[in-house]
Amino acid sequence: RLSTLSQDSSSPRHPGVRSVSSAAMARPWTAQPLAAAAATAPALGRGAAALFLLAFASLGGTPVAGAPSPPSPAANLPHDTSSTFLQEIADRMGGAGAGGSGDRGQRYLEGAVGGLPKVEAGLAPILAAEPRGPDGRFDGPSVRHALHRYFVREFGWRLSGLDPLGGAWNSSSPSDVAALQRMPAAVRDLVAERLDGPGLEGSDLAVLAWTLKYLIQDETDARLHSAYSLLDLPLDQPVAHDSVQFALNVHMMSHVLKQEMDQLTRDQAVAIYQNMDRVYPSWGETVGFISKTMDAQRVLEGAEPSAAMPFDAALRSLAAVSERYGRWQDRECRDMKGMLLPFEEHGSGRVRLADFYRASLGGQWQFSENLAYLRQLGALDETEPATPRVIIPNYILSFANCVGSTAYNDICCVSECEGLMAHIERSVAGPSAEPAALEDIIAALPSSTSQAGRRADVLLTRRLREIAAQHDDGRVPIHGRLFAQWMHHAYPRECPYPHAAGETKQVSVYDYVRSGKRYAASPEEMSLVA
């Protein structure tokens, strides 16, 4: 999904970035990307946009001081809430502590009025299928699992500290999630006390999910504030539509490249922006998505889309972009899947590594990850060592294909298997089911590559009953690893193969390269396999 740069940060290979004057930065901006910079650029995979900054570092330049904190809008409306946990968090968020401010808790409550019911609706089928303790509460691993699945399912977000990254769900407490660690200390202590003690009721788990979502949006808002500061746009008066559009574009640029804007000068930011259509081939479509979403939000608010916008209206447009971007960008993931399916072996959800590389050598700028990186991601099937195969859903859903991040989360491909599991959860409405009931549900459940009305083959049917026989009640836990394996074989193109805990470790292209490793195979290496 991205255009390529060298993996060697000591001698980066990058498009020729031109210096742009401050005067040029001040001219009006349109919704289109600026002029393309370099005539040629090598090609890479979707998850490598942040590598551009490794190349850009060779241009030199001194990072500027950190941008000021975002303004705190007035919030004076009274709010009633039936959730004691919600009110306790609001009280502590607005009090003393790291990051606390006098009106932050009030803004948190204001957002919860419309936001919390949506979170509760999204969590309901997930929680119905999660195991509870005797008191009806959810323990730490269940909370972590439910929150992870909610954010992946709804937004394509993988939160640092929630995703086990190849480890076990009980390997750490959800109180260790990065977003919670950035909370005011008083809030962090309250959440840890609940999680490490009796656990959470369903309503409180929804409050925790809302809190995480609020903090992610809060960080996103702060990044837009930094974009305004970088572009010398005023915060206290309306700004022309095209200038707001450009600020949102620059915000998205920093999101895709994992770059904090307070570490860039204006000239550096423009130089990077001029190369975005080379670094990220879908950049023009991304800019179009931002423009359409911003205009739709303005129409929803009863405003003229082309009119000047105050900063709070820009923040609301940004919130709409943030919520929709994960699912919008997932179309690229479906396209990648479509490119691999013609090479699939016998409906197995697997592609021979030779064919995987042949697609890359044949002109596809994806599919260049080397053997070691694919193995670490859990995307490689080496059952036959002489003929390694790429597992299509494991590859598509891996961190190699995440694009964009905040301090709390990465934006990754949306799991089609989560949609299938959501249907199963609604049908079962519990943590386990009889094998026969699951067979009937699966028979009627189509996917993007399989039709409804099919019955599981004899081996799959026998395996499902073997799973049930391992449990005293004769039922199949629908969130166990064995059922996940079964789902992979029932839907091999949509559901990833669940490796045992500790066998794999998800890491982004950017972090893999920063650790000193090479993630892509050279054309010569690919030719030897293909």
Protein backbone atom coordinates (compact mmCIF):
# COMPACT_ATOMS: atom_id res chain seq x y z
CA ARG A 1 0.00 0.00 0.00
CA LEU A 2 3.01 2.27 0.17
CA SER A 3 5.79 3.43 -2.01
CA THR A 4 9.27 2.30 -1.04
CA LEU A 5 12.35 3.71 0.57
CA SER A 6 15.56 2.08 1.65
CA GLN A 7 15.53 -0.14 4.69
CA ASP A 8 19.06 0.95 5.58
CA SER A 9 18.68 4.02 7.76
CA SER A 10 22.43 4.69 7.60
CA SER A 11 22.30 5.39 3.86
CA PRO A 12 18.63 5.92 2.99
CA ARG A 13 17.36 5.84 -0.52
CA HIS A 14 14.58 8.37 -1.02
CA PRO A 15 12.85 10.57 -3.58
CA GLY A 16 14.51 13.94 -4.14
CA VAL A 17 12.73 16.18 -1.66
CA ARG A 18 12.81 19.84 -2.58
CA SER A 19 13.11 22.63 -0.07
CA VAL A 20 10.04 24.85 0.08
CA SER A 21 10.10 28.40 1.33
CA SER A 22 7.97 29.76 4.15
CA ALA A 23 6.43 32.12 1.65
CA ALA A 24 5.26 29.17 -0.42
CA MET A 25 3.79 27.63 2.72
CA ALA A 26 1.64 30.70 3.24
CA ARG A 27 -0.21 30.59 -0.07
CA PRO A 28 -3.77 29.18 -0.21
CA TRP A 29 -4.03 25.40 -0.29
CA THR A 30 -6.32 23.24 -2.34
CA ALA A 31 -7.63 19.79 -1.56
CA GLN A 32 -5.23 18.24 -4.09
CA PRO A 33 -1.71 17.03 -3.26
CA LEU A 34 1.09 19.41 -4.20
CA ALA A 35 3.31 18.73 -7.22
CA ALA A 36 4.97 15.32 -7.29
CA ALA A 37 8.57 15.50 -6.20
CA ALA A 38 10.67 12.74 -7.67
CA ALA A 39 10.37 11.20 -11.10
CA THR A 40 11.08 7.71 -9.86
CA ALA A 41 10.80 5.77 -6.62
CA PRO A 42 11.14 2.08 -5.81
CA ALA A 43 8.12 0.21 -4.47
CA LEU A 44 7.21 -1.27 -1.08
CA GLY A 45 4.39 -2.69 0.96
CA ARG A 46 1.43 -0.96 2.57
CA GLY A 47 2.87 -0.71 6.08
CA ALA A 48 6.11 1.08 5.20
CA ALA A 49 5.08 4.74 4.94
CA ALA A 50 6.81 5.63 8.20
CA LEU A 51 10.08 4.51 6.65
CA PHE A 52 9.94 7.72 4.63
CA LEU A 53 10.96 9.57 7.75
CA LEU A 54 14.09 7.46 8.07
CA ALA A 55 15.02 8.67 4.60
CA PHE A 56 13.90 12.24 5.30
CA ALA A 57 16.17 12.35 8.35
CA SER A 58 19.14 12.51 5.98
CA LEU A 59 18.00 15.97 4.90
CA GLY A 60 19.08 17.33 8.25
CA GLY A 61 17.24 20.12 10.03
CA THR A 62 16.62 20.78 13.67
CA PRO A 63 13.29 19.74 15.19
CA VAL A 64 11.30 22.66 16.49
CA ALA A 65 10.01 22.95 20.02
CA GLY A 66 6.85 21.11 21.00
CA ALA A 67 3.57 22.59 19.91
CA PRO A 68 1.33 24.11 22.60
CA SER A 69 -1.44 22.03 24.10
CA PRO A 70 -4.85 22.17 22.42
CA PRO A 71 -7.29 24.75 23.73
CA SER A 72 -9.95 23.65 26.20
CA PRO A 73 -13.37 24.70 24.88
CA ALA A 74 -15.90 25.96 27.38
CA ALA A 75 -18.15 23.26 28.75
CA ASN A 76 -20.87 24.48 31.07
CA LEU A 77 -23.86 22.25 30.32
CA PRO A 78 -25.09 20.13 33.23
CA HIS A 79 -25.14 16.38 32.73
CA ASP A 80 -26.81 13.57 34.58
CA THR A 81 -25.40 10.08 34.43
CA SER A 82 -26.48 6.80 35.91
CA SER A 83 -22.95 5.41 35.77
CA THR A 84 -21.00 5.96 38.97
CA PHE A 85 -17.85 4.72 37.21
CA LEU A 86 -18.29 7.31 34.45
CA GLN A 87 -18.72 10.11 36.95
CA GLU A 88 -15.75 8.95 39.02
CA ILE A 89 -13.52 8.98 35.95
CA ALA A 90 -14.78 12.42 34.96
CA ASP A 91 -14.10 13.78 38.45
CA ARG A 92 -10.58 12.40 38.50
CA MET A 93 -9.80 13.33 34.92
CA GLY A 94 -10.55 16.95 35.66
CA GLY A 95 -8.64 17.07 38.93
CA ALA A 96 -4.96 17.17 39.76
CA GLY A 97 -2.71 14.73 37.98
CA ALA A 98 -0.71 14.29 34.82
CA GLY A 99 -2.69 15.75 31.95
CA GLY A 100 -5.64 16.77 34.16
CA SER A 101 -7.35 20.11 33.56
CA GLY A 102 -10.31 21.84 35.07
CA ASP A 103 -12.76 21.20 32.21
CA ARG A 104 -11.38 17.99 30.75
CA GLY A 105 -13.76 15.89 32.85
CA GLN A 106 -16.73 17.98 31.72
CA ARG A 107 -15.79 17.56 28.05
CA TYR A 108 -15.44 13.84 28.70
CA LEU A 109 -19.01 13.73 30.08
CA GLU A 110 -20.34 15.82 27.19
CA GLY A 111 -18.92 13.40 24.69
CA ALA A 112 -20.31 10.44 26.61
CA VAL A 113 -23.89 11.70 26.17
CA GLY A 114 -23.85 10.70 22.50
CA GLY A 115 -20.81 8.45 22.42
CA LEU A 116 -21.41 6.00 25.25
CA PRO A 117 -24.70 4.56 23.90
CA LYS A 118 -22.94 3.77 20.60
CA VAL A 119 -20.15 2.00 22.46
CA GLU A 120 -22.67 0.01 24.52
CA ALA A 121 -24.49 -1.08 21.35
CA GLY A 122 -21.24 -2.20 19.71
CA LEU A 123 -20.09 -4.09 22.79
CA ALA A 124 -23.39 -5.84 23.51
CA PRO A 125 -22.96 -8.91 21.24
CA ILE A 126 -19.30 -9.24 22.25
CA LEU A 127 -20.07 -9.21 25.97
CA ALA A 128 -22.93 -11.67 25.52
CA ALA A 129 -20.35 -14.19 24.33
CA GLU A 130 -17.62 -13.41 26.90
CA PRO A 131 -17.37 -15.61 30.01
CA ARG A 132 -18.34 -13.97 33.30
CA GLY A 133 -17.45 -14.76 36.86
CA PRO A 134 -20.03 -16.06 39.39
CA ASP A 135 -20.89 -12.45 40.28
CA GLY A 136 -21.55 -11.56 36.64
CA ARG A 137 -18.39 -9.49 36.29
CA PHE A 138 -15.67 -9.73 33.64
CA ASP A 139 -12.11 -10.43 34.76
CA GLY A 140 -8.95 -8.86 33.33
CA PRO A 141 -8.36 -11.23 30.36
CA SER A 142 -12.05 -11.03 29.36
CA VAL A 143 -11.97 -7.24 29.53
CA ARG A 144 -8.84 -7.14 27.44
CA HIS A 145 -10.27 -9.56 24.87
CA ALA A 146 -13.60 -7.73 24.63
CA LEU A 147 -12.02 -4.29 24.27
CA HIS A 148 -9.57 -5.51 21.64
CA ARG A 149 -12.33 -7.09 19.57
CA TYR A 150 -14.58 -4.04 19.88
CA PHE A 151 -11.98 -1.61 18.54
CA VAL A 152 -10.81 -3.97 15.79
CA ARG A 153 -14.38 -4.70 14.73
CA GLU A 154 -15.71 -1.16 14.83
CA PHE A 155 -12.74 0.89 13.62
CA GLY A 156 -9.85 -1.34 12.56
CA TRP A 157 -7.90 0.01 15.57
CA ARG A 158 -5.35 -2.19 17.32
CA LEU A 159 -4.61 -0.63 20.70
CA SER A 160 -1.17 -0.98 22.19
CA GLY A 161 -1.45 -3.06 25.35
CA LEU A 162 -4.77 -4.66 24.37
CA ASP A 163 -3.55 -6.68 21.40
CA PRO A 164 -1.51 -9.62 22.79
CA LEU A 165 0.73 -9.42 19.66
CA GLY A 166 1.13 -13.18 19.61
CA GLY A 167 1.13 -13.62 23.40
CA ALA A 168 -1.59 -14.94 25.68
CA TRP A 169 -4.66 -12.89 26.63
CA ASN A 170 -3.76 -13.24 30.31
CA SER A 171 -0.13 -12.16 29.80
CA SER A 172 -0.84 -8.69 31.19
CA SER A 173 -3.65 -6.64 32.69
CA PRO A 174 -5.71 -4.27 30.53
CA SER A 175 -4.64 -1.60 33.02
CA ASP A 176 -1.27 -1.72 31.22
CA VAL A 177 -2.76 -0.47 27.93
CA ALA A 178 -0.83 2.54 26.61
CA ALA A 179 -3.88 4.81 26.52
CA LEU A 180 -4.60 4.18 30.20
CA GLN A 181 -0.98 4.80 31.10
CA ARG A 182 -1.32 8.30 29.63
CA MET A 183 -4.34 9.11 31.80
CA PRO A 184 -4.14 11.36 34.83
CA ALA A 185 -2.71 9.25 37.66
CA ALA A 186 -5.94 9.35 39.66
CA VAL A 187 -7.93 7.88 36.76
CA ARG A 188 -5.27 5.27 36.11
CA ASP A 189 -5.38 4.18 39.74
CA LEU A 190 -9.18 3.94 39.71
CA VAL A 191 -9.21 1.74 36.59
CA ALA A 192 -6.40 -0.49 37.89
CA GLU A 193 -8.22 -0.90 41.20
CA ARG A 194 -11.35 -2.14 39.41
CA LEU A 195 -9.49 -4.42 37.00
CA ASP A 196 -7.15 -5.94 39.56
CA GLY A 197 -9.96 -6.36 42.07
CA PRO A 198 -13.50 -7.62 41.49
CA GLY A 199 -13.52 -7.00 37.73
CA LEU A 200 -15.96 -4.93 35.69
CA GLU A 201 -19.69 -5.10 35.12
CA GLY A 202 -20.83 -4.79 31.52
CA SER A 203 -21.84 -1.14 31.93
CA ASP A 204 -18.46 -0.28 33.44
CA LEU A 205 -16.64 -2.10 30.66
CA ALA A 206 -18.51 0.10 28.17
CA VAL A 207 -17.41 3.17 30.15
CA LEU A 208 -13.80 1.98 29.94
CA ALA A 209 -14.15 1.51 26.16
CA TRP A 210 -15.61 5.01 25.87
CA THR A 211 -12.73 6.38 27.94
CA LEU A 212 -10.17 4.81 25.61
CA LYS A 213 -11.99 6.14 22.56
CA TYR A 214 -12.17 9.59 24.11
CA LEU A 215 -8.45 9.63 24.85
CA ILE A 216 -7.60 8.55 21.30
CA GLN A 217 -9.74 11.36 19.93
CA ASP A 218 -8.21 13.77 22.43
CA GLU A 219 -4.74 12.92 21.11
CA THR A 220 -6.01 13.28 17.54
CA ASP A 221 -7.41 16.73 18.38
CA ALA A 222 -4.05 17.73 19.83
CA ARG A 223 -2.38 16.72 16.56
CA LEU A 224 -4.73 19.00 14.59
CA HIS A 225 -3.89 21.80 16.99
CA SER A 226 -0.22 21.19 16.15
CA ALA A 227 -1.05 21.32 12.43
CA TYR A 228 -2.74 24.70 12.91
CA SER A 229 0.30 25.93 14.80
CA LEU A 230 2.67 24.64 12.13
CA LEU A 231 0.67 26.34 9.36
CA ASP A 232 0.17 29.59 11.32
CA LEU A 233 -3.60 29.23 11.24
CA PRO A 234 -5.57 31.09 13.94
CA LEU A 235 -7.48 29.15 16.57
CA ASP A 236 -9.71 32.03 17.67
CA GLN A 237 -11.37 32.91 14.36
CA PRO A 238 -12.86 31.08 11.35
CA VAL A 239 -10.39 29.78 8.78
CA ALA A 240 -10.96 29.42 5.04
CA HIS A 241 -12.29 26.03 3.93
CA ASP A 242 -9.24 25.18 1.79
CA SER A 243 -6.85 26.02 4.62
CA VAL A 244 -8.77 23.79 7.04
CA GLN A 245 -8.74 21.03 4.41
CA PHE A 246 -4.98 21.36 4.09
CA ALA A 247 -4.55 21.28 7.88
CA LEU A 248 -6.56 18.03 7.97
CA ASN A 249 -4.39 16.66 5.15
CA VAL A 250 -1.21 17.51 7.04
CA HIS A 251 -2.73 15.91 10.12
CA MET A 252 -3.37 12.71 8.14
CA MET A 253 0.15 12.85 6.72
CA SER A 254 1.64 12.84 10.21
CA HIS A 255 -0.76 10.02 11.15
CA VAL A 256 0.29 7.82 8.22
CA LEU A 257 4.00 8.52 8.73
CA LYS A 258 3.93 8.13 12.53
CA GLN A 259 5.51 11.57 12.79
CA GLU A 260 4.85 14.15 15.49
CA MET A 261 4.42 17.53 13.84
CA ASP A 262 6.11 19.41 16.66
CA GLN A 263 9.35 17.78 15.49
CA LEU A 264 9.12 19.40 12.04
CA THR A 265 9.55 22.89 10.63
CA ARG A 266 7.04 24.16 8.13
CA ASP A 267 9.49 23.71 5.25
CA GLN A 268 10.17 20.12 6.29
CA ALA A 269 6.46 19.37 6.53
CA VAL A 270 5.82 20.74 3.03
CA ALA A 271 8.80 18.84 1.61
CA ILE A 272 7.37 15.61 2.99
CA TYR A 273 3.85 16.51 1.84
CA GLN A 274 5.10 17.02 -1.72
CA ASN A 275 6.25 13.40 -1.76
CA MET A 276 3.17 11.80 -0.22
CA ASP A 277 1.74 10.57 -3.52
CA ARG A 278 5.03 8.72 -4.04
CA VAL A 279 5.33 7.43 -0.48
CA TYR A 280 1.67 6.41 -0.28
CA PRO A 281 0.13 5.64 -3.69
CA SER A 282 -3.40 6.02 -2.29
CA TRP A 283 -2.69 9.51 -0.99
CA GLY A 284 -4.84 11.28 -3.59
CA GLU A 285 -7.81 9.06 -2.71
CA THR A 286 -7.16 9.68 0.99
CA VAL A 287 -7.28 13.45 0.43
CA GLY A 288 -10.55 12.98 -1.45
CA PHE A 289 -11.97 10.95 1.45
CA ILE A 290 -11.03 13.70 3.91
CA SER A 291 -12.65 16.36 1.70
CA LYS A 292 -15.92 14.42 1.28
CA THR A 293 -16.13 13.56 4.98
CA MET A 294 -15.45 17.15 6.02
CA ASP A 295 -18.13 18.49 3.65
CA ALA A 296 -20.65 15.84 4.77
CA GLN A 297 -20.08 16.81 8.40
CA ARG A 298 -20.66 20.48 7.57
CA VAL A 299 -23.93 19.65 5.79
CA LEU A 300 -24.98 17.55 8.78
CA GLU A 301 -24.43 20.60 10.99
CA GLY A 302 -26.47 22.82 8.64
CA ALA A 303 -23.45 24.82 7.50
CA GLU A 304 -22.30 25.70 4.00
CA PRO A 305 -19.43 23.29 3.20
CA SER A 306 -17.31 25.96 1.48
CA ALA A 307 -17.70 28.52 4.28
CA ALA A 308 -14.91 29.43 6.68
CA MET A 309 -14.74 27.16 9.73
CA PRO A 310 -14.05 27.85 13.41
CA PHE A 311 -11.63 25.49 15.13
CA ASP A 312 -14.33 23.57 17.01
CA ALA A 313 -16.04 22.78 13.68
CA ALA A 314 -12.70 21.57 12.31
CA LEU A 315 -12.41 19.27 15.34
CA ARG A 316 -15.86 17.80 14.65
CA SER A 317 -14.87 17.16 11.03
CA LEU A 318 -11.69 15.52 12.24
CA ALA A 319 -13.68 13.27 14.60
CA ALA A 320 -15.82 12.13 11.64
CA VAL A 321 -12.68 11.40 9.60
CA SER A 322 -11.10 9.48 12.49
CA GLU A 323 -14.14 7.27 13.06
CA ARG A 324 -14.61 6.41 9.39
CA TYR A 325 -11.02 6.17 8.21
CA GLY A 326 -10.37 2.65 9.50
CA ARG A 327 -13.17 1.09 7.49
CA TRP A 328 -12.60 3.36 4.48
CA GLN A 329 -8.93 2.39 4.14
CA ASP A 330 -9.85 -1.28 4.45
CA ARG A 331 -10.80 -1.30 0.77
CA GLU A 332 -7.06 -1.53 0.02
CA CYS A 333 -6.91 -4.66 2.14
CA ARG A 334 -9.74 -6.24 0.16
CA ASP A 335 -7.89 -5.30 -3.03
CA MET A 336 -4.74 -7.04 -1.78
CA LYS A 337 -6.76 -10.13 -0.96
CA GLY A 338 -8.20 -10.05 -4.46
CA MET A 339 -4.69 -9.93 -5.92
CA LEU A 340 -3.65 -13.03 -3.96
CA LEU A 341 -6.72 -15.21 -4.52
CA PRO A 342 -5.85 -16.12 -8.15
CA PHE A 343 -2.68 -17.76 -6.77
CA GLU A 344 -4.50 -19.65 -3.98
CA GLU A 345 -3.92 -23.40 -3.75
CA HIS A 346 -7.07 -25.52 -3.78
CA GLY A 347 -9.24 -23.24 -1.63
CA SER A 348 -6.75 -23.50 1.26
CA GLY A 349 -6.37 -19.77 1.94
CA ARG A 350 -2.68 -20.20 1.15
CA VAL A 351 -0.39 -18.98 -1.62
CA ARG A 352 2.98 -20.51 -2.35
CA LEU A 353 5.78 -18.11 -1.44
CA ALA A 354 7.05 -18.50 -5.00
CA ASP A 355 3.73 -17.16 -6.36
CA PHE A 356 3.66 -14.44 -3.70
CA TYR A 357 7.02 -13.14 -4.91
CA ARG A 358 6.12 -13.71 -8.54
CA ALA A 359 3.25 -11.25 -8.10
CA SER A 360 5.68 -8.68 -6.70
CA LEU A 361 8.21 -9.20 -9.48
CA GLY A 362 5.40 -9.01 -12.01
CA GLY A 363 4.61 -5.41 -11.15
CA GLN A 364 2.63 -5.47 -7.89
CA TRP A 365 4.36 -3.13 -5.45
CA GLN A 366 3.12 -5.21 -2.51
CA PHE A 367 4.18 -8.71 -1.47
CA SER A 368 7.90 -8.17 -0.92
CA GLU A 369 8.25 -9.15 2.77
CA ASN A 370 11.13 -11.54 3.40
CA LEU A 371 10.92 -15.00 4.94
CA ALA A 372 12.05 -13.94 8.43
CA TYR A 373 9.53 -11.11 8.69
CA LEU A 374 6.64 -13.23 7.37
CA ARG A 375 7.56 -15.94 9.86
CA GLN A 376 7.57 -13.50 12.79
CA LEU A 377 4.17 -12.16 11.74
CA GLY A 378 2.67 -15.66 11.70
CA ALA A 379 1.86 -15.32 8.01
CA LEU A 380 3.97 -18.28 6.90
CA ASP A 381 2.94 -21.94 6.72
CA GLU A 382 6.09 -24.09 6.73
CA THR A 383 4.38 -27.45 7.11
CA GLU A 384 6.32 -28.36 3.97
CA PRO A 385 9.68 -26.63 4.53
CA ALA A 386 10.68 -26.95 0.88
CA THR A 387 7.48 -25.18 -0.23
CA PRO A 388 6.60 -22.42 2.25
CA ARG A 389 3.20 -20.79 1.80
CA VAL A 390 1.75 -17.42 2.79
CA ILE A 391 -1.50 -17.67 4.78
CA ILE A 392 -3.69 -15.04 3.13
CA PRO A 393 -5.77 -13.80 6.13
CA ASN A 394 -2.75 -13.88 8.47
CA TYR A 395 -0.80 -11.77 6.00
CA ILE A 396 -3.60 -9.28 5.31
CA LEU A 397 -4.32 -8.77 9.03
CA SER A 398 -0.67 -8.53 10.06
CA PHE A 399 1.10 -5.39 11.23
CA ALA A 400 2.90 -5.34 7.87
CA ASN A 401 -0.31 -3.84 6.48
CA CYS A 402 -1.14 -1.29 9.15
CA VAL A 403 -1.08 2.30 7.98
CA GLY A 404 -1.29 5.23 10.35
CA SER A 405 -1.11 5.40 14.12
CA THR A 406 -1.58 7.56 17.18
CA ALA A 407 0.21 7.33 20.48
CA TYR A 408 -2.37 4.71 21.46
CA ASN A 409 -3.27 2.64 18.41
CA ASP A 410 -2.46 1.49 14.88
CA ILE A 411 -4.91 1.52 11.96
CA CYS A 412 -4.93 -1.92 10.36
CA CYS A 413 -6.99 -4.03 8.00
CA VAL A 414 -10.47 -4.85 9.30
CA SER A 415 -10.91 -8.54 9.99
CA GLU A 416 -13.62 -10.17 7.89
CA CYS A 417 -13.59 -12.96 10.45
CA GLU A 418 -14.77 -10.50 13.09
CA GLY A 419 -17.90 -9.94 11.02
CA LEU A 420 -18.51 -13.68 10.89
CA MET A 421 -17.91 -14.00 14.63
CA ALA A 422 -20.32 -11.14 15.28
CA HIS A 423 -23.07 -13.12 13.55
CA ILE A 424 -22.19 -16.24 15.55
CA GLU A 425 -22.22 -14.25 18.81
CA ARG A 426 -25.65 -12.81 18.08
CA SER A 427 -26.97 -16.26 17.21
CA VAL A 428 -25.45 -18.03 20.23
CA ALA A 429 -25.84 -15.21 22.78
CA GLY A 430 -23.47 -16.96 25.13
CA PRO A 431 -19.85 -18.09 25.50
CA SER A 432 -20.45 -21.60 24.12
CA ALA A 433 -22.81 -23.61 21.92
CA GLU A 434 -23.80 -27.14 20.98
CA PRO A 435 -21.89 -28.49 17.94
CA ALA A 436 -25.10 -29.07 15.99
CA ALA A 437 -26.23 -25.49 16.59
CA LEU A 438 -22.90 -24.16 15.33
CA GLU A 439 -23.12 -26.36 12.24
CA ASP A 440 -26.53 -24.86 11.41
CA ILE A 441 -25.28 -21.31 11.98
CA ILE A 442 -22.21 -21.80 9.79
CA ALA A 443 -24.25 -23.48 7.05
CA ALA A 444 -26.36 -20.33 6.70
CA LEU A 445 -23.46 -17.87 7.07
CA PRO A 446 -21.85 -16.66 3.83
CA SER A 447 -18.54 -14.79 3.54
CA SER A 448 -17.11 -12.65 0.76
CA THR A 449 -15.81 -15.81 -0.93
CA SER A 450 -18.27 -18.53 0.14
CA GLN A 451 -22.00 -18.89 -0.29
CA ALA A 452 -24.69 -19.67 2.25
CA GLY A 453 -26.28 -23.09 2.23
CA ARG A 454 -23.08 -25.12 2.36
CA ARG A 455 -22.52 -27.78 5.01
CA ALA A 456 -19.22 -28.39 6.74
CA ASP A 457 -17.39 -31.41 5.35
CA VAL A 458 -17.11 -34.64 7.33
CA LEU A 459 -13.69 -33.83 8.78
CA LEU A 460 -14.78 -30.39 10.01
CA THR A 461 -17.95 -31.82 11.52
CA ARG A 462 -15.97 -34.51 13.31
CA ARG A 463 -13.44 -31.95 14.56
CA LEU A 464 -16.17 -29.72 15.99
CA ARG A 465 -17.58 -32.62 17.98
CA GLU A 466 -14.09 -33.52 19.21
CA ILE A 467 -13.71 -29.98 20.55
CA ALA A 468 -17.02 -30.27 22.36
CA ALA A 469 -16.03 -33.65 23.82
CA GLN A 470 -13.08 -32.01 25.58
CA HIS A 471 -15.51 -30.07 27.80
CA ASP A 472 -17.71 -31.54 30.51
CA ASP A 473 -20.84 -29.79 29.24
CA GLY A 474 -20.31 -31.05 25.68
CA ARG A 475 -20.33 -27.51 24.28
CA VAL A 476 -17.85 -25.58 22.13
CA PRO A 477 -16.37 -22.35 23.62
CA ILE A 478 -16.67 -19.95 20.70
CA HIS A 479 -13.73 -17.78 21.82
CA GLY A 480 -11.27 -20.62 22.38
CA ARG A 481 -8.24 -21.26 20.20
CA LEU A 482 -9.61 -24.61 19.01
CA PHE A 483 -12.77 -23.03 17.62
CA ALA A 484 -10.64 -20.28 16.03
CA GLN A 485 -8.68 -23.02 14.28
CA TRP A 486 -11.94 -24.58 13.17
CA MET A 487 -13.14 -21.24 11.80
CA HIS A 488 -9.89 -20.87 9.85
CA HIS A 489 -10.54 -24.15 8.09
CA ALA A 490 -14.23 -23.32 7.57
CA TYR A 491 -13.37 -19.85 6.21
CA PRO A 492 -9.72 -20.15 5.13
CA ARG A 493 -9.69 -16.89 3.17
CA GLU A 494 -11.26 -14.75 5.92
CA CYS A 495 -10.24 -16.18 9.30
CA PRO A 496 -6.57 -16.21 10.32
CA TYR A 497 -4.87 -19.32 11.63
CA PRO A 498 -4.44 -18.84 15.42
CA HIS A 499 -0.88 -19.75 16.33
CA ALA A 500 -0.11 -20.86 19.88
CA ALA A 501 0.81 -18.05 22.26
CA GLY A 502 4.46 -17.07 21.93
CA GLU A 503 5.00 -18.55 18.45
CA THR A 504 4.63 -15.22 16.66
CA LYS A 505 5.05 -11.54 17.45
CA GLN A 506 3.39 -8.74 15.53
CA VAL A 507 5.64 -5.77 14.80
CA SER A 508 5.22 -2.98 12.28
CA VAL A 509 7.56 -2.49 9.33
CA TYR A 510 8.77 0.74 10.92
CA ASP A 511 9.64 -0.84 14.27
CA TYR A 512 11.16 -3.88 12.58
CA VAL A 513 13.54 -1.71 10.57
CA ARG A 514 14.32 0.51 13.54
CA SER A 515 15.45 -2.64 15.38
CA GLY A 516 18.13 -3.09 12.74
CA LYS A 517 16.43 -5.80 10.69
CA ARG A 518 15.67 -5.91 6.99
CA TYR A 519 12.02 -6.65 6.26
CA ALA A 520 11.85 -6.88 2.47
CA ALA A 521 13.38 -9.41 0.13
CA SER A 522 15.51 -8.01 -2.68
CA PRO A 523 14.48 -8.69 -6.29
CA GLU A 524 17.37 -11.13 -6.51
CA GLU A 525 16.20 -13.00 -3.41
CA MET A 526 12.63 -13.13 -4.69
CA SER A 527 13.83 -14.41 -8.08
CA LEU A 528 15.60 -17.32 -6.41
CA VAL A 529 12.28 -18.43 -4.85
CA ALA A 530 9.97 -17.53 -7.72
